[in-house]
């Protein structure tokens, strides 16, 4: 984690509004929302 990788930019380090960074953040947000919805649905079904 100490060595900065040039190609795969971590989400926290990407501060420049590049289209690739936006796409990654957008995909990460969609995945996070989907996981949250799945967890809530599973909790509702189980509990």
C-alpha atoms as a PDB file:
ATOM      1  CA  UNK A   1       0.000   0.000   0.000  1.00  0.00           C
ATOM      2  CA  UNK A   2       3.030   2.238   0.411  1.00  0.00           C
ATOM      3  CA  UNK A   3       4.008   2.004  -3.256  1.00  0.00           C
ATOM      4  CA  UNK A   4       1.829   4.278  -5.457  1.00  0.00           C
ATOM      5  CA  UNK A   5       0.655   2.385  -8.527  1.00  0.00           C
ATOM      6  CA  UNK A   6       0.499   4.483 -11.728  1.00  0.00           C
ATOM      7  CA  UNK A   7      -2.303   2.718 -13.602  1.00  0.00           C
ATOM      8  CA  UNK A   8      -4.874   1.614 -10.949  1.00  0.00           C
ATOM      9  CA  UNK A   9      -5.540   4.893  -9.149  1.00  0.00           C
ATOM     10  CA  UNK A  10      -7.085   4.509  -5.681  1.00  0.00           C
ATOM     11  CA  UNK A  11     -10.443   6.304  -5.231  1.00  0.00           C
ATOM     12  CA  UNK A  12      -9.050   8.646  -2.555  1.00  0.00           C
ATOM     13  CA  UNK A  13      -6.038   9.758  -4.606  1.00  0.00           C
ATOM     14  CA  UNK A  14      -8.003  10.585  -7.763  1.00  0.00           C
ATOM     15  CA  UNK A  15      -8.848  14.243  -7.184  1.00  0.00           C
ATOM     16  CA  UNK A  16      -8.684  15.336 -10.796  1.00  0.00           C
ATOM     17  CA  UNK A  17     -12.082  15.192 -12.561  1.00  0.00           C
ATOM     18  CA  UNK A  18     -11.042  12.693 -15.213  1.00  0.00           C
ATOM     19  CA  UNK A  19     -13.726  10.695 -17.047  1.00  0.00           C
ATOM     20  CA  UNK A  20     -12.080   7.450 -15.920  1.00  0.00           C
ATOM     21  CA  UNK A  21     -12.104   8.583 -12.298  1.00  0.00           C
ATOM     22  CA  UNK A  22     -15.736   9.622 -12.597  1.00  0.00           C
ATOM     23  CA  UNK A  23     -16.632   6.270 -14.141  1.00  0.00           C
ATOM     24  CA  UNK A  24     -14.856   4.384 -11.371  1.00  0.00           C
ATOM     25  CA  UNK A  25     -16.527   6.462  -8.665  1.00  0.00           C
ATOM     26  CA  UNK A  26     -19.892   6.017 -10.411  1.00  0.00           C
ATOM     27  CA  UNK A  27     -19.435   2.242 -10.601  1.00  0.00           C
ATOM     28  CA  UNK A  28     -18.261   2.080  -6.984  1.00  0.00           C
ATOM     29  CA  UNK A  29     -21.318   4.065  -5.895  1.00  0.00           C
ATOM     30  CA  UNK A  30     -23.660   1.793  -7.848  1.00  0.00           C
ATOM     31  CA  UNK A  31     -22.023  -1.315  -6.369  1.00  0.00           C
ATOM     32  CA  UNK A  32     -22.194   0.124  -2.849  1.00  0.00           C
ATOM     33  CA  UNK A  33     -25.885   1.016  -3.256  1.00  0.00           C
ATOM     34  CA  UNK A  34     -26.640  -2.416  -4.717  1.00  0.00           C
ATOM     35  CA  UNK A  35     -24.860  -4.135  -1.820  1.00  0.00           C
ATOM     36  CA  UNK A  36     -26.751  -1.981   0.690  1.00  0.00           C
ATOM     37  CA  UNK A  37     -30.075  -2.822  -0.971  1.00  0.00           C
ATOM     38  CA  UNK A  38     -29.221  -6.530  -0.990  1.00  0.00           C
ATOM     39  CA  UNK A  39     -28.236  -6.430   2.690  1.00  0.00           C
ATOM     40  CA  UNK A  40     -31.450  -4.615   3.619  1.00  0.00           C
ATOM     41  CA  UNK A  41     -33.514  -7.074   1.584  1.00  0.00           C
ATOM     42  CA  UNK A  42     -31.781 -10.061   3.191  1.00  0.00           C
ATOM     43  CA  UNK A  43     -32.275  -8.584   6.665  1.00  0.00           C
ATOM     44  CA  UNK A  44     -35.951  -7.973   5.899  1.00  0.00           C
ATOM     45  CA  UNK A  45     -36.402 -11.521   4.600  1.00  0.00           C
ATOM     46  CA  UNK A  46     -34.484 -13.205   7.430  1.00  0.00           C
ATOM     47  CA  UNK A  47     -35.601 -10.963  10.287  1.00  0.00           C
END
